[in-house]
PDB file of all heavy atoms in Angstrom:
ATOM      1  N   ILE A   1     231.207  12.082  92.715  1.00  0.00           N
ATOM      2  CA  ILE A   1     232.261  12.441  91.764  1.00  0.00           C
ATOM      3  C   ILE A   1     231.659  12.323  90.368  1.00  0.00           C
ATOM      4  O   ILE A   1     231.340  11.222  89.910  1.00  0.00           O
ATOM      5  CB  ILE A   1     233.487  11.526  91.948  1.00  0.00           C
ATOM      6  CG1 ILE A   1     234.087  11.799  93.332  1.00  0.00           C
ATOM      7  CG2 ILE A   1     234.511  11.750  90.846  1.00  0.00           C
ATOM      8  CD1 ILE A   1     235.263  10.941  93.692  1.00  0.00           C
ATOM      9  N   LEU A   2     231.453  13.466  89.729  1.00  0.00           N
ATOM     10  CA  LEU A   2     230.655  13.513  88.497  1.00  0.00           C
ATOM     11  C   LEU A   2     231.464  14.139  87.359  1.00  0.00           C
ATOM     12  O   LEU A   2     231.813  15.314  87.404  1.00  0.00           O
ATOM     13  CB  LEU A   2     229.379  14.337  88.735  1.00  0.00           C
ATOM     14  CG  LEU A   2     228.534  13.933  89.955  1.00  0.00           C
ATOM     15  CD1 LEU A   2     227.387  14.923  90.152  1.00  0.00           C
ATOM     16  CD2 LEU A   2     227.989  12.515  89.795  1.00  0.00           C
ATOM     17  N   ASP A   3     231.763  13.332  86.355  1.00  0.00           N
ATOM     18  CA  ASP A   3     232.526  13.799  85.194  1.00  0.00           C
ATOM     19  C   ASP A   3     231.545  14.142  84.079  1.00  0.00           C
ATOM     20  O   ASP A   3     230.923  13.246  83.514  1.00  0.00           O
ATOM     21  CB  ASP A   3     233.490  12.681  84.765  1.00  0.00           C
ATOM     22  CG  ASP A   3     234.472  13.142  83.697  1.00  0.00           C
ATOM     23  OD1 ASP A   3     234.554  14.360  83.452  1.00  0.00           O
ATOM     24  OD2 ASP A   3     235.140  12.278  83.107  1.00  0.00           O
ATOM     25  N   GLU A   4     231.370  15.415  83.792  1.00  0.00           N
ATOM     26  CA  GLU A   4     230.451  15.886  82.732  1.00  0.00           C
ATOM     27  C   GLU A   4     229.033  15.304  82.900  1.00  0.00           C
ATOM     28  O   GLU A   4     228.507  14.679  81.979  1.00  0.00           O
ATOM     29  CB  GLU A   4     231.001  15.511  81.344  1.00  0.00           C
ATOM     30  CG  GLU A   4     232.365  16.080  81.026  1.00  0.00           C
ATOM     31  CD  GLU A   4     232.367  17.583  80.801  1.00  0.00           C
ATOM     32  OE1 GLU A   4     231.296  18.167  80.630  1.00  0.00           O
ATOM     33  OE2 GLU A   4     233.463  18.163  80.816  1.00  0.00           O
ATOM     34  N   PRO A   5     228.394  15.498  84.052  1.00  0.00           N
ATOM     35  CA  PRO A   5     227.076  14.879  84.263  1.00  0.00           C
ATOM     36  C   PRO A   5     225.970  15.479  83.386  1.00  0.00           C
ATOM     37  O   PRO A   5     224.911  14.884  83.251  1.00  0.00           O
ATOM     38  CB  PRO A   5     226.789  15.142  85.745  1.00  0.00           C
ATOM     39  CG  PRO A   5     227.581  16.357  86.069  1.00  0.00           C
ATOM     40  CD  PRO A   5     228.823  16.270  85.230  1.00  0.00           C
ATOM     41  N   MET A   6     226.205  16.657  82.806  1.00  0.00           N
ATOM     42  CA  MET A   6     225.169  17.291  81.965  1.00  0.00           C
ATOM     43  C   MET A   6     225.238  16.838  80.504  1.00  0.00           C
ATOM     44  O   MET A   6     224.445  17.269  79.684  1.00  0.00           O
ATOM     45  CB  MET A   6     225.300  18.819  81.985  1.00  0.00           C
ATOM     46  CG  MET A   6     225.534  19.420  83.338  1.00  0.00           C
ATOM     47  SD  MET A   6     224.151  19.197  84.456  1.00  0.00           S
ATOM     48  CE  MET A   6     224.696  20.172  85.834  1.00  0.00           C
ATOM     49  N   ASN A   7     226.204  16.004  80.205  1.00  0.00           N
ATOM     50  CA  ASN A   7     226.426  15.543  78.837  1.00  0.00           C
ATOM     51  C   ASN A   7     225.142  14.984  78.218  1.00  0.00           C
ATOM     52  O   ASN A   7     224.522  14.099  78.791  1.00  0.00           O
ATOM     53  CB  ASN A   7     227.468  14.410  78.880  1.00  0.00           C
ATOM     54  CG  ASN A   7     228.446  14.523  77.751  1.00  0.00           C
ATOM     55  OD1 ASN A   7     228.236  15.314  76.837  1.00  0.00           O
ATOM     56  ND2 ASN A   7     229.510  13.745  77.811  1.00  0.00           N
ATOM     57  N   GLY A   8     224.749  15.504  77.060  1.00  0.00           N
ATOM     58  CA  GLY A   8     223.591  14.935  76.358  1.00  0.00           C
ATOM     59  C   GLY A   8     222.244  15.386  76.879  1.00  0.00           C
ATOM     60  O   GLY A   8     221.214  14.963  76.369  1.00  0.00           O
ATOM     61  N   LEU A   9     222.214  16.222  77.918  1.00  0.00           N
ATOM     62  CA  LEU A   9     220.930  16.695  78.442  1.00  0.00           C
ATOM     63  C   LEU A   9     220.465  17.922  77.666  1.00  0.00           C
ATOM     64  O   LEU A   9     221.278  18.769  77.288  1.00  0.00           O
ATOM     65  CB  LEU A   9     221.058  17.074  79.923  1.00  0.00           C
ATOM     66  CG  LEU A   9     221.353  15.945  80.914  1.00  0.00           C
ATOM     67  CD1 LEU A   9     221.488  16.519  82.316  1.00  0.00           C
ATOM     68  CD2 LEU A   9     220.260  14.892  80.901  1.00  0.00           C
ATOM     69  N   ASP A  10     219.151  18.024  77.448  1.00  0.00           N
ATOM     70  CA  ASP A  10     218.621  19.236  76.816  1.00  0.00           C
ATOM     71  C   ASP A  10     218.550  20.351  77.870  1.00  0.00           C
ATOM     72  O   ASP A  10     218.900  20.163  79.027  1.00  0.00           O
ATOM     73  CB  ASP A  10     217.256  18.971  76.172  1.00  0.00           C
ATOM     74  CG  ASP A  10     216.212  18.490  77.174  1.00  0.00           C
ATOM     75  OD1 ASP A  10     216.398  18.702  78.392  1.00  0.00           O
ATOM     76  OD2 ASP A  10     215.202  17.910  76.758  1.00  0.00           O
ATOM     77  N   LYS A  11     218.075  21.531  77.427  1.00  0.00           N
ATOM     78  CA  LYS A  11     218.084  22.705  78.313  1.00  0.00           C
ATOM     79  C   LYS A  11     217.319  22.447  79.617  1.00  0.00           C
ATOM     80  O   LYS A  11     217.790  22.777  80.705  1.00  0.00           O
ATOM     81  CB  LYS A  11     217.462  23.891  77.566  1.00  0.00           C
ATOM     82  CG  LYS A  11     218.001  25.235  78.027  1.00  0.00           C
ATOM     83  CD  LYS A  11     217.643  26.340  77.058  1.00  0.00           C
ATOM     84  CE  LYS A  11     216.203  26.770  77.305  1.00  0.00           C
ATOM     85  NZ  LYS A  11     215.758  27.874  76.466  1.00  0.00           N
ATOM     86  N   ASP A  12     216.142  21.834  79.502  1.00  0.00           N
ATOM     87  CA  ASP A  12     215.346  21.531  80.708  1.00  0.00           C
ATOM     88  C   ASP A  12     216.067  20.517  81.590  1.00  0.00           C
ATOM     89  O   ASP A  12     216.038  20.613  82.821  1.00  0.00           O
ATOM     90  CB  ASP A  12     213.962  20.987  80.319  1.00  0.00           C
ATOM     91  CG  ASP A  12     213.085  22.081  79.743  1.00  0.00           C
ATOM     92  OD1 ASP A  12     213.412  23.273  79.934  1.00  0.00           O
ATOM     93  OD2 ASP A  12     212.078  21.749  79.082  1.00  0.00           O
ATOM     94  N   GLY A  13     216.690  19.540  80.943  1.00  0.00           N
ATOM     95  CA  GLY A  13     217.421  18.517  81.694  1.00  0.00           C
ATOM     96  C   GLY A  13     218.564  19.109  82.484  1.00  0.00           C
ATOM     97  O   GLY A  13     218.807  18.753  83.640  1.00  0.00           O
ATOM     98  N   VAL A  14     219.287  20.051  81.850  1.00  0.00           N
ATOM     99  CA  VAL A  14     220.406  20.717  82.529  1.00  0.00           C
ATOM    100  C   VAL A  14     219.892  21.494  83.742  1.00  0.00           C
ATOM    101  O   VAL A  14     220.468  21.443  84.836  1.00  0.00           O
ATOM    102  CB  VAL A  14     221.153  21.662  81.550  1.00  0.00           C
ATOM    103  CG1 VAL A  14     222.118  22.571  82.299  1.00  0.00           C
ATOM    104  CG2 VAL A  14     221.910  20.847  80.505  1.00  0.00           C
ATOM    105  N   LYS A  15     218.771  22.191  83.532  1.00  0.00           N
ATOM    106  CA  LYS A  15     218.190  22.972  84.632  1.00  0.00           C
ATOM    107  C   LYS A  15     217.789  22.055  85.798  1.00  0.00           C
ATOM    108  O   LYS A  15     218.082  22.331  86.970  1.00  0.00           O
ATOM    109  CB  LYS A  15     216.947  23.703  84.096  1.00  0.00           C
ATOM    110  CG  LYS A  15     216.540  24.910  84.900  1.00  0.00           C
ATOM    111  CD  LYS A  15     215.488  25.711  84.156  1.00  0.00           C
ATOM    112  CE  LYS A  15     214.391  26.101  85.126  1.00  0.00           C
ATOM    113  NZ  LYS A  15     213.142  26.426  84.494  1.00  0.00           N
ATOM    114  N   ASP A  16     217.127  20.941  85.470  1.00  0.00           N
ATOM    115  CA  ASP A  16     216.726  19.959  86.493  1.00  0.00           C
ATOM    116  C   ASP A  16     217.947  19.432  87.251  1.00  0.00           C
ATOM    117  O   ASP A  16     217.943  19.326  88.477  1.00  0.00           O
ATOM    118  CB  ASP A  16     216.015  18.751  85.850  1.00  0.00           C
ATOM    119  CG  ASP A  16     214.644  19.110  85.294  1.00  0.00           C
ATOM    120  OD1 ASP A  16     214.159  20.220  85.578  1.00  0.00           O
ATOM    121  OD2 ASP A  16     214.075  18.279  84.568  1.00  0.00           O
ATOM    122  N   MET A  17     218.975  19.069  86.472  1.00  0.00           N
ATOM    123  CA  MET A  17     220.164  18.456  87.074  1.00  0.00           C
ATOM    124  C   MET A  17     220.875  19.443  87.996  1.00  0.00           C
ATOM    125  O   MET A  17     221.296  19.094  89.099  1.00  0.00           O
ATOM    126  CB  MET A  17     221.108  17.993  85.961  1.00  0.00           C
ATOM    127  CG  MET A  17     222.273  17.179  86.439  1.00  0.00           C
ATOM    128  SD  MET A  17     221.822  15.478  86.829  1.00  0.00           S
ATOM    129  CE  MET A  17     221.963  14.693  85.248  1.00  0.00           C
ATOM    130  N   ARG A  18     220.976  20.698  87.551  1.00  0.00           N
ATOM    131  CA  ARG A  18     221.621  21.714  88.405  1.00  0.00           C
ATOM    132  C   ARG A  18     220.876  21.857  89.720  1.00  0.00           C
ATOM    133  O   ARG A  18     221.479  21.901  90.798  1.00  0.00           O
ATOM    134  CB  ARG A  18     221.623  23.067  87.697  1.00  0.00           C
ATOM    135  CG  ARG A  18     222.726  23.224  86.694  1.00  0.00           C
ATOM    136  CD  ARG A  18     222.684  24.629  86.146  1.00  0.00           C
ATOM    137  NE  ARG A  18     223.496  24.748  84.960  1.00  0.00           N
ATOM    138  CZ  ARG A  18     223.303  25.663  84.014  1.00  0.00           C
ATOM    139  NH1 ARG A  18     222.312  26.526  84.114  1.00  0.00           N
ATOM    140  NH2 ARG A  18     224.089  25.737  82.972  1.00  0.00           N
ATOM    141  N   GLN A  19     219.550  21.964  89.625  1.00  0.00           N
ATOM    142  CA  GLN A  19     218.740  22.132  90.830  1.00  0.00           C
ATOM    143  C   GLN A  19     218.910  20.930  91.750  1.00  0.00           C
ATOM    144  O   GLN A  19     219.040  21.067  92.975  1.00  0.00           O
ATOM    145  CB  GLN A  19     217.261  22.322  90.471  1.00  0.00           C
ATOM    146  CG  GLN A  19     216.391  22.714  91.673  1.00  0.00           C
ATOM    147  CD  GLN A  19     216.944  23.913  92.450  1.00  0.00           C
ATOM    148  OE1 GLN A  19     217.169  24.977  91.878  1.00  0.00           O
ATOM    149  NE2 GLN A  19     217.197  23.736  93.746  1.00  0.00           N
ATOM    150  N   TYR A  20     218.953  19.753  91.130  1.00  0.00           N
ATOM    151  CA  TYR A  20     219.089  18.528  91.908  1.00  0.00           C
ATOM    152  C   TYR A  20     220.429  18.507  92.651  1.00  0.00           C
ATOM    153  O   TYR A  20     220.492  18.154  93.833  1.00  0.00           O
ATOM    154  CB  TYR A  20     218.950  17.320  90.982  1.00  0.00           C
ATOM    155  CG  TYR A  20     218.846  16.061  91.760  1.00  0.00           C
ATOM    156  CD1 TYR A  20     217.775  15.868  92.637  1.00  0.00           C
ATOM    157  CD2 TYR A  20     219.824  15.092  91.692  1.00  0.00           C
ATOM    158  CE1 TYR A  20     217.690  14.734  93.401  1.00  0.00           C
ATOM    159  CE2 TYR A  20     219.741  13.958  92.456  1.00  0.00           C
ATOM    160  CZ  TYR A  20     218.678  13.786  93.313  1.00  0.00           C
ATOM    161  OH  TYR A  20     218.599  12.665  94.083  1.00  0.00           O
ATOM    162  N   LEU A  21     221.495  18.919  91.968  1.00  0.00           N
ATOM    163  CA  LEU A  21     222.820  18.934  92.608  1.00  0.00           C
ATOM    164  C   LEU A  21     222.876  19.974  93.724  1.00  0.00           C
ATOM    165  O   LEU A  21     223.483  19.737  94.773  1.00  0.00           O
ATOM    166  CB  LEU A  21     223.910  19.198  91.562  1.00  0.00           C
ATOM    167  CG  LEU A  21     224.096  18.082  90.516  1.00  0.00           C
ATOM    168  CD1 LEU A  21     225.129  18.487  89.475  1.00  0.00           C
ATOM    169  CD2 LEU A  21     224.488  16.765  91.163  1.00  0.00           C
ATOM    170  N   LEU A  22     222.219  21.112  93.526  1.00  0.00           N
ATOM    171  CA  LEU A  22     222.163  22.128  94.599  1.00  0.00           C
ATOM    172  C   LEU A  22     221.379  21.599  95.802  1.00  0.00           C
ATOM    173  O   LEU A  22     221.735  21.873  96.954  1.00  0.00           O
ATOM    174  CB  LEU A  22     221.542  23.425  94.069  1.00  0.00           C
ATOM    175  CG  LEU A  22     222.425  24.218  93.073  1.00  0.00           C
ATOM    176  CD1 LEU A  22     221.625  25.341  92.429  1.00  0.00           C
ATOM    177  CD2 LEU A  22     223.677  24.774  93.758  1.00  0.00           C
ATOM    178  N   ASP A  23     220.325  20.824  95.533  1.00  0.00           N
ATOM    179  CA  ASP A  23     219.563  20.199  96.636  1.00  0.00           C
ATOM    180  C   ASP A  23     220.452  19.218  97.412  1.00  0.00           C
ATOM    181  O   ASP A  23     220.398  19.156  98.645  1.00  0.00           O
ATOM    182  CB  ASP A  23     218.332  19.447  96.096  1.00  0.00           C
ATOM    183  CG  ASP A  23     217.278  20.400  95.534  1.00  0.00           C
ATOM    184  OD1 ASP A  23     217.368  21.619  95.794  1.00  0.00           O
ATOM    185  OD2 ASP A  23     216.367  19.925  94.816  1.00  0.00           O
ATOM    186  N   LEU A  24     221.257  18.451  96.676  1.00  0.00           N
ATOM    187  CA  LEU A  24     222.155  17.488  97.338  1.00  0.00           C
ATOM    188  C   LEU A  24     223.190  18.222  98.196  1.00  0.00           C
ATOM    189  O   LEU A  24     223.510  17.804  99.302  1.00  0.00           O
ATOM    190  CB  LEU A  24     222.866  16.622  96.299  1.00  0.00           C
ATOM    191  CG  LEU A  24     221.985  15.590  95.581  1.00  0.00           C
ATOM    192  CD1 LEU A  24     222.757  14.937  94.442  1.00  0.00           C
ATOM    193  CD2 LEU A  24     221.474  14.511  96.531  1.00  0.00           C
ATOM    194  N   LYS A  25     223.692  19.347  97.667  1.00  0.00           N
ATOM    195  CA  LYS A  25     224.640  20.162  98.449  1.00  0.00           C
ATOM    196  C   LYS A  25     223.970  20.655  99.737  1.00  0.00           C
ATOM    197  O   LYS A  25     224.574  20.642 100.814  1.00  0.00           O
ATOM    198  CB  LYS A  25     225.124  21.339  97.605  1.00  0.00           C
ATOM    199  CG  LYS A  25     226.057  22.263  98.360  1.00  0.00           C
ATOM    200  CD  LYS A  25     226.288  23.544  97.588  1.00  0.00           C
ATOM    201  CE  LYS A  25     226.765  24.635  98.515  1.00  0.00           C
ATOM    202  NZ  LYS A  25     226.909  25.915  97.836  1.00  0.00           N
ATOM    203  N   ALA A  26     222.699  21.091  99.614  1.00  0.00           N
ATOM    204  CA  ALA A  26     221.964  21.581 100.792  1.00  0.00           C
ATOM    205  C   ALA A  26     221.792  20.483 101.841  1.00  0.00           C
ATOM    206  O   ALA A  26     221.660  20.770 103.031  1.00  0.00           O
ATOM    207  CB  ALA A  26     220.600  22.124 100.359  1.00  0.00           C
ATOM    208  N   GLN A  27     221.822  19.220 101.393  1.00  0.00           N
ATOM    209  CA  GLN A  27     221.731  18.094 102.341  1.00  0.00           C
ATOM    210  C   GLN A  27     223.089  17.778 102.974  1.00  0.00           C
ATOM    211  O   GLN A  27     223.218  16.838 103.749  1.00  0.00           O
ATOM    212  CB  GLN A  27     221.239  16.838 101.611  1.00  0.00           C
ATOM    213  CG  GLN A  27     219.809  16.894 101.125  1.00  0.00           C
ATOM    214  CD  GLN A  27     219.504  15.736 100.170  1.00  0.00           C
ATOM    215  OE1 GLN A  27     220.073  14.656 100.282  1.00  0.00           O
ATOM    216  NE2 GLN A  27     218.599  15.961  99.222  1.00  0.00           N
ATOM    217  N   GLY A  28     224.128  18.549 102.588  1.00  0.00           N
ATOM    218  CA  GLY A  28     225.449  18.324 103.187  1.00  0.00           C
ATOM    219  C   GLY A  28     226.363  17.411 102.397  1.00  0.00           C
ATOM    220  O   GLY A  28     227.434  17.021 102.879  1.00  0.00           O
ATOM    221  N   LYS A  29     225.957  17.049 101.167  1.00  0.00           N
ATOM    222  CA  LYS A  29     226.810  16.192 100.343  1.00  0.00           C
ATOM    223  C   LYS A  29     228.002  16.993  99.819  1.00  0.00           C
ATOM    224  O   LYS A  29     227.905  18.201  99.612  1.00  0.00           O
ATOM    225  CB  LYS A  29     226.045  15.650  99.124  1.00  0.00           C
ATOM    226  CG  LYS A  29     224.709  15.014  99.431  1.00  0.00           C
ATOM    227  CD  LYS A  29     224.843  13.657 100.052  1.00  0.00           C
ATOM    228  CE  LYS A  29     223.501  12.955 100.180  1.00  0.00           C
ATOM    229  NZ  LYS A  29     223.557  11.869 101.144  1.00  0.00           N
ATOM    230  N   THR A  30     229.093  16.286  99.587  1.00  0.00           N
ATOM    231  CA  THR A  30     230.265  16.890  98.948  1.00  0.00           C
ATOM    232  C   THR A  30     230.263  16.443  97.484  1.00  0.00           C
ATOM    233  O   THR A  30     230.075  15.254  97.201  1.00  0.00           O
ATOM    234  CB  THR A  30     231.560  16.405  99.628  1.00  0.00           C
ATOM    235  OG1 THR A  30     231.435  16.621 101.032  1.00  0.00           O
ATOM    236  CG2 THR A  30     232.781  17.131  99.096  1.00  0.00           C
ATOM    237  N   ILE A  31     230.469  17.396  96.571  1.00  0.00           N
ATOM    238  CA  ILE A  31     230.391  17.070  95.143  1.00  0.00           C
ATOM    239  C   ILE A  31     231.642  17.576  94.432  1.00  0.00           C
ATOM    240  O   ILE A  31     232.036  18.734  94.588  1.00  0.00           O
ATOM    241  CB  ILE A  31     229.133  17.701  94.504  1.00  0.00           C
ATOM    242  CG1 ILE A  31     227.860  17.182  95.201  1.00  0.00           C
ATOM    243  CG2 ILE A  31     229.068  17.403  92.998  1.00  0.00           C
ATOM    244  CD1 ILE A  31     226.575  17.895  94.805  1.00  0.00           C
ATOM    245  N   LEU A  32     232.261  16.691  93.662  1.00  0.00           N
ATOM    246  CA  LEU A  32     233.368  17.070  92.775  1.00  0.00           C
ATOM    247  C   LEU A  32     232.863  16.888  91.355  1.00  0.00           C
ATOM    248  O   LEU A  32     232.451  15.788  90.976  1.00  0.00           O
ATOM    249  CB  LEU A  32     234.586  16.172  93.044  1.00  0.00           C
ATOM    250  CG  LEU A  32     235.821  16.399  92.167  1.00  0.00           C
ATOM    251  CD1 LEU A  32     236.364  17.816  92.326  1.00  0.00           C
ATOM    252  CD2 LEU A  32     236.913  15.378  92.499  1.00  0.00           C
ATOM    253  N   ILE A  33     232.850  17.971  90.578  1.00  0.00           N
ATOM    254  CA  ILE A  33     232.232  17.925  89.251  1.00  0.00           C
ATOM    255  C   ILE A  33     233.192  18.494  88.204  1.00  0.00           C
ATOM    256  O   ILE A  33     233.837  19.515  88.434  1.00  0.00           O
ATOM    257  CB  ILE A  33     230.886  18.705  89.261  1.00  0.00           C
ATOM    258  CG1 ILE A  33     230.212  18.675  87.891  1.00  0.00           C
ATOM    259  CG2 ILE A  33     231.050  20.136  89.723  1.00  0.00           C
ATOM    260  CD1 ILE A  33     228.781  19.232  87.915  1.00  0.00           C
ATOM    261  N   ALA A  34     233.304  17.792  87.086  1.00  0.00           N
ATOM    262  CA  ALA A  34     234.053  18.326  85.940  1.00  0.00           C
ATOM    263  C   ALA A  34     233.039  18.722  84.887  1.00  0.00           C
ATOM    264  O   ALA A  34     232.102  17.969  84.610  1.00  0.00           O
ATOM    265  CB  ALA A  34     235.003  17.272  85.380  1.00  0.00           C
ATOM    266  N   SER A  35     233.200  19.911  84.324  1.00  0.00           N
ATOM    267  CA  SER A  35     232.250  20.365  83.307  1.00  0.00           C
ATOM    268  C   SER A  35     232.934  21.273  82.304  1.00  0.00           C
ATOM    269  O   SER A  35     233.854  22.021  82.655  1.00  0.00           O
ATOM    270  CB  SER A  35     231.083  21.102  83.962  1.00  0.00           C
ATOM    271  OG  SER A  35     230.195  21.573  82.973  1.00  0.00           O
ATOM    272  N   HIS A  36     232.450  21.196  81.048  1.00  0.00           N
ATOM    273  CA  HIS A  36     232.930  22.125  80.014  1.00  0.00           C
ATOM    274  C   HIS A  36     232.122  23.426  80.044  1.00  0.00           C
ATOM    275  O   HIS A  36     232.460  24.378  79.364  1.00  0.00           O
ATOM    276  CB  HIS A  36     232.782  21.484  78.627  1.00  0.00           C
ATOM    277  CG  HIS A  36     233.886  20.541  78.310  1.00  0.00           C
ATOM    278  ND1 HIS A  36     233.747  19.174  78.376  1.00  0.00           N
ATOM    279  CD2 HIS A  36     235.166  20.762  77.939  1.00  0.00           C
ATOM    280  CE1 HIS A  36     234.886  18.600  78.060  1.00  0.00           C
ATOM    281  NE2 HIS A  36     235.769  19.535  77.782  1.00  0.00           N
ATOM    282  N   SER A  37     231.028  23.419  80.814  1.00  0.00           N
ATOM    283  CA  SER A  37     230.126  24.567  80.789  1.00  0.00           C
ATOM    284  C   SER A  37     230.484  25.574  81.884  1.00  0.00           C
ATOM    285  O   SER A  37     230.401  25.270  83.077  1.00  0.00           O
ATOM    286  CB  SER A  37     228.681  24.092  80.988  1.00  0.00           C
ATOM    287  OG  SER A  37     227.875  25.165  81.421  1.00  0.00           O
ATOM    288  N   ALA A  38     230.861  26.786  81.457  1.00  0.00           N
ATOM    289  CA  ALA A  38     231.194  27.843  82.426  1.00  0.00           C
ATOM    290  C   ALA A  38     229.983  28.157  83.293  1.00  0.00           C
ATOM    291  O   ALA A  38     230.104  28.446  84.487  1.00  0.00           O
ATOM    292  CB  ALA A  38     231.654  29.093  81.674  1.00  0.00           C
ATOM    293  N   GLU A  39     228.793  28.054  82.704  1.00  0.00           N
ATOM    294  CA  GLU A  39     227.570  28.372  83.449  1.00  0.00           C
ATOM    295  C   GLU A  39     227.315  27.347  84.551  1.00  0.00           C
ATOM    296  O   GLU A  39     226.978  27.704  85.682  1.00  0.00           O
ATOM    297  CB  GLU A  39     226.371  28.436  82.499  1.00  0.00           C
ATOM    298  CG  GLU A  39     225.203  29.174  83.112  1.00  0.00           C
ATOM    299  CD  GLU A  39     224.011  29.256  82.166  1.00  0.00           C
ATOM    300  OE1 GLU A  39     224.169  29.116  80.952  1.00  0.00           O
ATOM    301  OE2 GLU A  39     222.905  29.432  82.689  1.00  0.00           O
ATOM    302  N   ASP A  40     227.493  26.059  84.233  1.00  0.00           N
ATOM    303  CA  ASP A  40     227.345  25.023  85.269  1.00  0.00           C
ATOM    304  C   ASP A  40     228.264  25.320  86.444  1.00  0.00           C
ATOM    305  O   ASP A  40     227.866  25.250  87.607  1.00  0.00           O
ATOM    306  CB  ASP A  40     227.734  23.635  84.723  1.00  0.00           C
ATOM    307  CG  ASP A  40     226.705  23.064  83.770  1.00  0.00           C
ATOM    308  OD1 ASP A  40     225.559  23.568  83.767  1.00  0.00           O
ATOM    309  OD2 ASP A  40     227.044  22.128  83.026  1.00  0.00           O
ATOM    310  N   ILE A  41     229.514  25.628  86.116  1.00  0.00           N
ATOM    311  CA  ILE A  41     230.524  25.864  87.150  1.00  0.00           C
ATOM    312  C   ILE A  41     230.141  27.091  87.988  1.00  0.00           C
ATOM    313  O   ILE A  41     230.206  27.078  89.217  1.00  0.00           O
ATOM    314  CB  ILE A  41     231.920  26.023  86.496  1.00  0.00           C
ATOM    315  CG1 ILE A  41     232.358  24.700  85.827  1.00  0.00           C
ATOM    316  CG2 ILE A  41     232.948  26.505  87.488  1.00  0.00           C
ATOM    317  CD1 ILE A  41     232.682  23.550  86.741  1.00  0.00           C
ATOM    318  N   ASP A  42     229.710  28.160  87.309  1.00  0.00           N
ATOM    319  CA  ASP A  42     229.311  29.386  88.020  1.00  0.00           C
ATOM    320  C   ASP A  42     228.144  29.146  88.968  1.00  0.00           C
ATOM    321  O   ASP A  42     228.139  29.595  90.104  1.00  0.00           O
ATOM    322  CB  ASP A  42     228.893  30.475  87.018  1.00  0.00           C
ATOM    323  CG  ASP A  42     230.100  31.241  86.497  1.00  0.00           C
ATOM    324  OD1 ASP A  42     231.193  31.027  87.047  1.00  0.00           O
ATOM    325  OD2 ASP A  42     229.947  32.018  85.552  1.00  0.00           O
ATOM    326  N   VAL A  43     227.134  28.430  88.467  1.00  0.00           N
ATOM    327  CA  VAL A  43     225.898  28.226  89.236  1.00  0.00           C
ATOM    328  C   VAL A  43     226.139  27.281  90.417  1.00  0.00           C
ATOM    329  O   VAL A  43     225.603  27.481  91.499  1.00  0.00           O
ATOM    330  CB  VAL A  43     224.787  27.655  88.311  1.00  0.00           C
ATOM    331  CG1 VAL A  43     223.585  27.195  89.119  1.00  0.00           C
ATOM    332  CG2 VAL A  43     224.359  28.693  87.283  1.00  0.00           C
ATOM    333  N   LEU A  44     226.970  26.254  90.203  1.00  0.00           N
ATOM    334  CA  LEU A  44     227.044  25.167  91.182  1.00  0.00           C
ATOM    335  C   LEU A  44     228.193  25.275  92.183  1.00  0.00           C
ATOM    336  O   LEU A  44     228.061  24.836  93.322  1.00  0.00           O
ATOM    337  CB  LEU A  44     227.197  23.821  90.443  1.00  0.00           C
ATOM    338  CG  LEU A  44     226.018  23.370  89.586  1.00  0.00           C
ATOM    339  CD1 LEU A  44     226.433  22.187  88.717  1.00  0.00           C
ATOM    340  CD2 LEU A  44     224.841  22.973  90.463  1.00  0.00           C
ATOM    341  N   CYS A  45     229.336  25.831  91.763  1.00  0.00           N
ATOM    342  CA  CYS A  45     230.570  25.562  92.510  1.00  0.00           C
ATOM    343  C   CYS A  45     230.952  26.623  93.539  1.00  0.00           C
ATOM    344  O   CYS A  45     230.844  27.810  93.289  1.00  0.00           O
ATOM    345  CB  CYS A  45     231.728  25.366  91.532  1.00  0.00           C
ATOM    346  SG  CYS A  45     231.451  23.938  90.472  1.00  0.00           S
ATOM    347  N   ASP A  46     231.417  26.128  94.683  1.00  0.00           N
ATOM    348  CA  ASP A  46     231.974  26.996  95.737  1.00  0.00           C
ATOM    349  C   ASP A  46     233.451  27.270  95.471  1.00  0.00           C
ATOM    350  O   ASP A  46     233.969  28.313  95.853  1.00  0.00           O
ATOM    351  CB  ASP A  46     231.842  26.306  97.102  1.00  0.00           C
ATOM    352  CG  ASP A  46     230.395  26.010  97.431  1.00  0.00           C
ATOM    353  OD1 ASP A  46     229.628  26.961  97.616  1.00  0.00           O
ATOM    354  OD2 ASP A  46     230.014  24.821  97.471  1.00  0.00           O
TER     355      ASP A  46
END
C-alpha cells in the first residue's frame, strides 16, 4: 500500500521505481498506489 511513493524522486529514480513495482507485480504481488502523476498511473495500473 503505497501513498505517493515517487515523491521527491528525480527522473531516473521514478523510472527505477516504476520498473521495480512492475517486477513486484510480475511476482504476483498486489499493489494499491496513490499518485498525482497520470503517467505513473498509466504505466503501472490495471
